[in-house]
């Protein structure tokens, strides 16, 4: 037998039983009243069933949709990450063109810009996040490159990955940094070695090209932490293409981030083995290694 814990529930059940009793007596006295009885029984059964509350929609945690500013989307192997790279590469391509046709942009500077890309690949709400180290030419060229970039429409599989507070646009953070490409020491025999048309000169340029390639990769990975500075490093490459004796010559104007990723780029560079025809051209006091002086300057 069912027990009642609330007075209201007990009273309601007593009333339902009284109604059912009256209906049953009516059915016995009145022929053809069975349909009425059935209808009443169904109504009573429906009334007996407690009302179920409407389930609330399960809230989606904001942590599931993190804004690009707090994620390294440029590295993600997701539809969102791949499209992010497409956008930045399109801007970078246009930016390099404008860098070449506007001589004034070669002066020192650093600029951070934020903009959004809609589903059609159109740029919206572009704003400057940081231009304290920029200049008029760099700012103008960078903003124009973003506006003119040939950005493809957003793929359909990207849209579900956009943040809930802006579900139709992708936020992009773009940093422009003017620096001088890493190269060997300036002046004297070192500069001549870099330019000489000999087996040694060709190999020297190969080493620099591999270090520079790795250096640019690491610079891009830490672009938000990079600031102006200069660094001079020295190392040797043996006949197996391995780096030896790496050391910093001058880091008075460097910073921790610049020093760290420059030295790491030198260590990780994919330097080929030294060609046989280079060995006879190495100095007598170190006949199996090529000395490299490597300068980095970021304005």
Protein backbone atom coordinates (compact mmCIF):
# COMPACT_ATOMS: atom_id res chain seq x y z
CA UNK A 1 0.00 0.00 0.00
CA UNK A 2 1.21 3.45 -0.88
CA UNK A 3 2.11 5.74 2.01
CA UNK A 4 1.49 9.49 1.95
CA UNK A 5 4.05 11.89 3.22
CA UNK A 6 2.32 15.13 2.25
CA UNK A 7 -1.28 16.09 3.33
CA UNK A 8 -2.02 17.61 -0.09
CA UNK A 9 -1.09 14.40 -1.89
CA UNK A 10 -3.34 12.31 0.43
CA UNK A 11 -6.35 14.60 -0.07
CA UNK A 12 -5.93 14.52 -3.86
CA UNK A 13 -5.85 10.71 -3.89
CA UNK A 14 -9.01 10.45 -1.72
CA UNK A 15 -10.86 12.73 -4.14
CA UNK A 16 -9.76 10.59 -7.12
CA UNK A 17 -11.02 7.41 -5.42
CA UNK A 18 -14.40 9.02 -4.66
CA UNK A 19 -14.82 10.06 -8.29
CA UNK A 20 -13.96 6.57 -9.54
CA UNK A 21 -16.46 5.00 -7.13
CA UNK A 22 -19.27 7.27 -8.32
CA UNK A 23 -18.48 6.54 -11.95
CA UNK A 24 -18.50 2.79 -11.36
CA UNK A 25 -21.92 2.92 -9.70
CA UNK A 26 -23.22 4.95 -12.67
CA UNK A 27 -21.96 2.30 -15.09
CA UNK A 28 -23.85 -0.47 -13.23
CA UNK A 29 -27.11 1.49 -13.25
CA UNK A 30 -26.90 2.94 -16.79
CA UNK A 31 -26.58 0.60 -19.81
CA UNK A 32 -23.97 1.71 -22.38
CA UNK A 33 -22.13 3.81 -19.84
CA UNK A 34 -19.02 1.65 -20.17
CA UNK A 35 -17.42 4.12 -22.60
CA UNK A 36 -17.94 6.92 -20.11
CA UNK A 37 -16.40 4.80 -17.40
CA UNK A 38 -13.35 4.02 -19.54
CA UNK A 39 -12.90 7.69 -20.37
CA UNK A 40 -13.05 8.61 -16.71
CA UNK A 41 -10.62 5.85 -15.78
CA UNK A 42 -8.15 7.09 -18.38
CA UNK A 43 -8.48 10.65 -17.09
CA UNK A 44 -7.93 9.47 -13.54
CA UNK A 45 -4.84 7.47 -14.55
CA UNK A 46 -3.42 10.50 -16.31
CA UNK A 47 -4.06 12.60 -13.24
CA UNK A 48 -2.35 9.96 -11.09
CA UNK A 49 0.89 10.18 -13.06
CA UNK A 50 3.06 12.87 -11.44
CA UNK A 51 4.08 15.72 -13.74
CA UNK A 52 7.63 15.32 -14.98
CA UNK A 53 9.80 18.45 -14.90
CA UNK A 54 11.14 19.71 -18.26
CA UNK A 55 14.81 18.69 -18.44
CA UNK A 56 17.20 21.61 -18.55
CA UNK A 57 19.70 21.85 -21.34
CA UNK A 58 23.06 20.64 -20.14
CA UNK A 59 25.31 23.67 -19.96
CA UNK A 60 28.46 23.56 -22.08
CA UNK A 61 31.57 24.52 -20.19
CA UNK A 62 33.36 27.57 -21.49
CA UNK A 63 36.57 25.58 -21.17
CA UNK A 64 35.55 23.56 -24.22
CA UNK A 65 35.66 26.64 -26.42
CA UNK A 66 38.90 28.43 -25.65
CA UNK A 67 39.55 31.61 -27.57
CA UNK A 68 42.49 31.56 -29.99
CA UNK A 69 44.32 34.07 -27.83
CA UNK A 70 44.91 31.39 -25.19
CA UNK A 71 45.72 28.56 -27.60
CA UNK A 72 48.54 28.11 -30.05
CA UNK A 73 46.22 27.53 -32.99
CA UNK A 74 49.06 27.98 -35.43
CA UNK A 75 50.32 24.52 -34.36
CA UNK A 76 47.08 22.62 -33.96
CA UNK A 77 46.48 19.72 -36.34
CA UNK A 78 42.75 20.37 -36.42
CA UNK A 79 40.52 22.02 -39.05
CA UNK A 80 40.73 25.16 -36.92
CA UNK A 81 44.52 25.07 -36.75
CA UNK A 82 44.92 24.38 -40.45
CA UNK A 83 42.64 27.25 -41.41
CA UNK A 84 44.43 29.55 -38.95
CA UNK A 85 47.69 28.79 -40.77
CA UNK A 86 46.06 29.42 -44.14
CA UNK A 87 44.99 32.85 -42.97
CA UNK A 88 48.37 33.84 -41.51
CA UNK A 89 50.22 32.52 -44.56
CA UNK A 90 47.98 34.54 -46.88
CA UNK A 91 48.69 37.66 -44.84
CA UNK A 92 52.41 36.86 -44.68
CA UNK A 93 52.58 36.49 -48.45
CA UNK A 94 51.04 39.91 -49.03
CA UNK A 95 53.09 41.42 -46.20
CA UNK A 96 56.38 40.36 -47.79
CA UNK A 97 55.36 41.92 -51.10
CA UNK A 98 54.59 45.23 -49.42
CA UNK A 99 57.86 45.04 -47.50
CA UNK A 100 59.76 44.96 -50.79
CA UNK A 101 57.86 47.74 -52.54
CA UNK A 102 57.91 50.12 -49.54
CA UNK A 103 61.53 50.93 -48.62
CA UNK A 104 60.41 52.77 -45.47
CA UNK A 105 59.23 49.52 -43.91
CA UNK A 106 62.81 48.28 -43.62
CA UNK A 107 63.41 50.40 -40.52
CA UNK A 108 63.19 48.84 -37.08
CA UNK A 109 59.81 48.01 -35.61
CA UNK A 110 57.41 45.54 -34.03
CA UNK A 111 53.63 45.51 -34.40
CA UNK A 112 50.82 43.32 -33.03
CA UNK A 113 47.42 43.32 -34.74
CA UNK A 114 44.17 41.51 -33.95
CA UNK A 115 41.48 40.85 -36.53
CA UNK A 116 38.62 38.47 -37.27
CA UNK A 117 37.87 36.36 -40.34
CA UNK A 118 34.25 35.55 -41.13
CA UNK A 119 32.86 32.50 -42.91
CA UNK A 120 33.45 34.10 -46.33
CA UNK A 121 37.12 34.74 -45.59
CA UNK A 122 36.62 38.47 -45.14
CA UNK A 123 38.53 40.49 -42.56
CA UNK A 124 36.51 42.26 -39.88
CA UNK A 125 37.15 44.45 -36.83
CA UNK A 126 40.89 44.87 -37.32
CA UNK A 127 42.60 46.64 -34.43
CA UNK A 128 46.13 47.38 -33.28
CA UNK A 129 47.01 45.54 -30.08
CA UNK A 130 50.51 46.95 -29.63
CA UNK A 131 52.38 49.49 -31.77
CA UNK A 132 54.67 51.12 -29.21
CA UNK A 133 57.73 49.77 -31.06
CA UNK A 134 56.33 50.22 -34.56
CA UNK A 135 56.60 53.06 -37.06
CA UNK A 136 54.21 54.62 -39.55
CA UNK A 137 55.52 52.70 -42.55
CA UNK A 138 55.48 49.30 -40.85
CA UNK A 139 52.00 49.90 -39.45
CA UNK A 140 50.60 51.05 -42.79
CA UNK A 141 52.13 48.16 -44.74
CA UNK A 142 50.99 45.53 -42.22
CA UNK A 143 47.40 46.78 -42.01
CA UNK A 144 47.19 46.97 -45.80
CA UNK A 145 48.55 43.44 -46.14
CA UNK A 146 45.84 42.12 -43.80
CA UNK A 147 43.13 43.95 -45.72
CA UNK A 148 44.39 42.74 -49.11
CA UNK A 149 45.27 39.16 -48.14
CA UNK A 150 43.60 36.55 -50.34
CA UNK A 151 42.01 34.53 -47.55
CA UNK A 152 39.91 31.51 -48.62
CA UNK A 153 36.39 30.97 -47.26
CA UNK A 154 36.16 29.17 -43.93
CA UNK A 155 35.73 25.38 -44.34
CA UNK A 156 32.49 23.95 -42.96
CA UNK A 157 34.32 21.76 -40.42
CA UNK A 158 35.89 24.84 -38.81
CA UNK A 159 32.63 26.52 -37.81
CA UNK A 160 31.68 24.02 -35.03
CA UNK A 161 35.09 24.66 -33.43
CA UNK A 162 34.68 28.41 -33.13
CA UNK A 163 34.12 29.93 -29.66
CA UNK A 164 30.56 30.11 -28.37
CA UNK A 165 30.75 33.85 -27.74
CA UNK A 166 31.65 34.47 -31.40
CA UNK A 167 30.48 31.36 -33.31
CA UNK A 168 30.85 32.75 -36.84
CA UNK A 169 34.33 34.30 -36.81
CA UNK A 170 37.91 33.25 -36.20
CA UNK A 171 40.10 35.58 -34.16
CA UNK A 172 43.63 36.06 -35.50
CA UNK A 173 46.60 37.57 -33.71
CA UNK A 174 49.26 38.71 -36.16
CA UNK A 175 52.70 39.97 -35.21
CA UNK A 176 55.04 41.79 -37.59
CA UNK A 177 58.68 42.03 -36.61
CA UNK A 178 61.48 43.71 -38.55
CA UNK A 179 64.87 42.14 -37.99
CA UNK A 180 68.04 41.46 -39.91
CA UNK A 181 68.42 37.87 -40.98
CA UNK A 182 71.13 35.93 -39.13
CA UNK A 183 74.45 35.89 -40.93
CA UNK A 184 78.12 35.36 -40.36
CA UNK A 185 80.36 38.00 -38.85
CA UNK A 186 80.74 41.22 -40.79
CA UNK A 187 83.94 42.35 -42.39
CA UNK A 188 87.34 40.81 -43.01
CA UNK A 189 88.02 37.20 -43.86
CA UNK A 190 84.72 35.96 -42.42
CA UNK A 191 82.58 38.04 -44.76
CA UNK A 192 84.84 37.08 -47.66
CA UNK A 193 84.48 33.39 -46.79
CA UNK A 194 80.71 33.69 -46.87
CA UNK A 195 80.86 35.22 -50.35
CA UNK A 196 83.77 33.36 -51.87
CA UNK A 197 83.06 31.08 -54.85
CA UNK A 198 84.96 28.08 -53.55
CA UNK A 199 83.98 24.73 -52.06
CA UNK A 200 84.54 26.25 -48.62
CA UNK A 201 82.35 29.27 -49.42
CA UNK A 202 79.55 27.09 -50.76
CA UNK A 203 79.62 24.88 -47.68
CA UNK A 204 79.74 27.92 -45.42
CA UNK A 205 76.54 29.20 -47.03
CA UNK A 206 74.93 25.77 -46.67
CA UNK A 207 75.61 25.83 -42.94
CA UNK A 208 74.18 29.34 -42.58
CA UNK A 209 71.10 28.46 -44.61
CA UNK A 210 70.31 25.45 -42.40
CA UNK A 211 70.82 27.40 -39.18
CA UNK A 212 68.72 30.28 -40.48
CA UNK A 213 65.91 27.93 -41.49
CA UNK A 214 65.75 26.47 -37.99
CA UNK A 215 66.16 29.92 -36.43
CA UNK A 216 63.11 31.27 -38.29
CA UNK A 217 61.03 28.29 -37.20
CA UNK A 218 61.92 28.85 -33.56
CA UNK A 219 61.42 32.60 -33.85
CA UNK A 220 57.90 32.05 -35.20
CA UNK A 221 57.09 29.66 -32.37
CA UNK A 222 58.06 32.30 -29.79
CA UNK A 223 57.05 35.40 -31.71
CA UNK A 224 55.05 36.80 -28.78
CA UNK A 225 58.10 36.65 -26.50
CA UNK A 226 60.65 38.06 -28.94
CA UNK A 227 61.86 41.61 -28.41
CA UNK A 228 64.59 43.75 -29.92
CA UNK A 229 68.16 42.65 -29.28
CA UNK A 230 71.42 41.42 -30.76
CA UNK A 231 73.55 38.35 -30.20
CA UNK A 232 76.90 37.07 -31.42
CA UNK A 233 77.69 33.38 -31.23
CA UNK A 234 80.59 31.24 -32.39
CA UNK A 235 80.69 27.55 -33.25
CA UNK A 236 82.54 24.98 -35.32
CA UNK A 237 81.26 22.41 -37.79
CA UNK A 238 83.24 19.18 -38.06
CA UNK A 239 83.55 16.99 -41.13
CA UNK A 240 80.42 15.05 -40.12
CA UNK A 241 78.33 18.23 -40.06
CA UNK A 242 78.11 18.24 -36.28
CA UNK A 243 78.27 21.44 -34.23
CA UNK A 244 81.07 21.77 -31.71
CA UNK A 245 82.35 24.43 -29.35
CA UNK A 246 79.20 26.55 -29.41
CA UNK A 247 79.56 29.66 -27.27
CA UNK A 248 78.18 33.16 -26.93
CA UNK A 249 80.63 35.93 -27.81
CA UNK A 250 78.46 38.94 -27.04
CA UNK A 251 74.98 38.96 -25.50
CA UNK A 252 75.02 42.37 -23.79
CA UNK A 253 72.12 43.54 -25.94
CA UNK A 254 70.37 40.18 -26.12
CA UNK A 255 67.57 38.78 -23.99
CA UNK A 256 66.87 35.35 -22.55
CA UNK A 257 64.39 34.29 -25.23
CA UNK A 258 66.55 35.43 -28.15
CA UNK A 259 69.64 33.72 -26.74
CA UNK A 260 67.80 30.48 -25.98
CA UNK A 261 66.20 29.90 -29.36
CA UNK A 262 69.25 31.09 -31.33
CA UNK A 263 71.55 28.61 -29.59
CA UNK A 264 68.92 25.88 -29.95
CA UNK A 265 68.61 26.63 -33.67
CA UNK A 266 72.37 26.19 -34.11
CA UNK A 267 72.32 22.89 -32.21
CA UNK A 268 69.31 21.53 -34.12
CA UNK A 269 70.23 22.72 -37.61
CA UNK A 270 70.29 19.95 -40.25
CA UNK A 271 73.84 20.61 -41.43
CA UNK A 272 75.13 18.26 -44.14
CA UNK A 273 78.46 16.47 -43.97
CA UNK A 274 81.43 18.51 -45.05
CA UNK A 275 82.35 17.83 -48.70
CA UNK A 276 85.77 16.31 -49.26
CA UNK A 277 86.97 19.26 -51.33
CA UNK A 278 86.42 21.59 -48.36
CA UNK A 279 88.94 19.89 -46.06
CA UNK A 280 92.09 21.11 -47.89
CA UNK A 281 90.79 24.69 -47.55
CA UNK A 282 90.45 24.62 -43.77
CA UNK A 283 93.05 26.45 -41.63
CA UNK A 284 96.18 24.60 -40.62
CA UNK A 285 95.64 25.20 -36.91
CA UNK A 286 92.20 23.45 -37.09
CA UNK A 287 92.27 21.29 -40.24
CA UNK A 288 89.05 19.33 -39.61
CA UNK A 289 86.58 22.02 -38.57
CA UNK A 290 85.02 25.12 -40.10
CA UNK A 291 84.62 28.09 -37.76
CA UNK A 292 81.38 30.07 -37.96
CA UNK A 293 80.65 33.42 -36.36
CA UNK A 294 76.93 33.93 -36.27
CA UNK A 295 75.30 37.31 -35.64
CA UNK A 296 71.63 37.93 -34.96
CA UNK A 297 70.10 41.38 -34.85
CA UNK A 298 66.43 42.09 -34.19
CA UNK A 299 65.33 45.70 -34.38
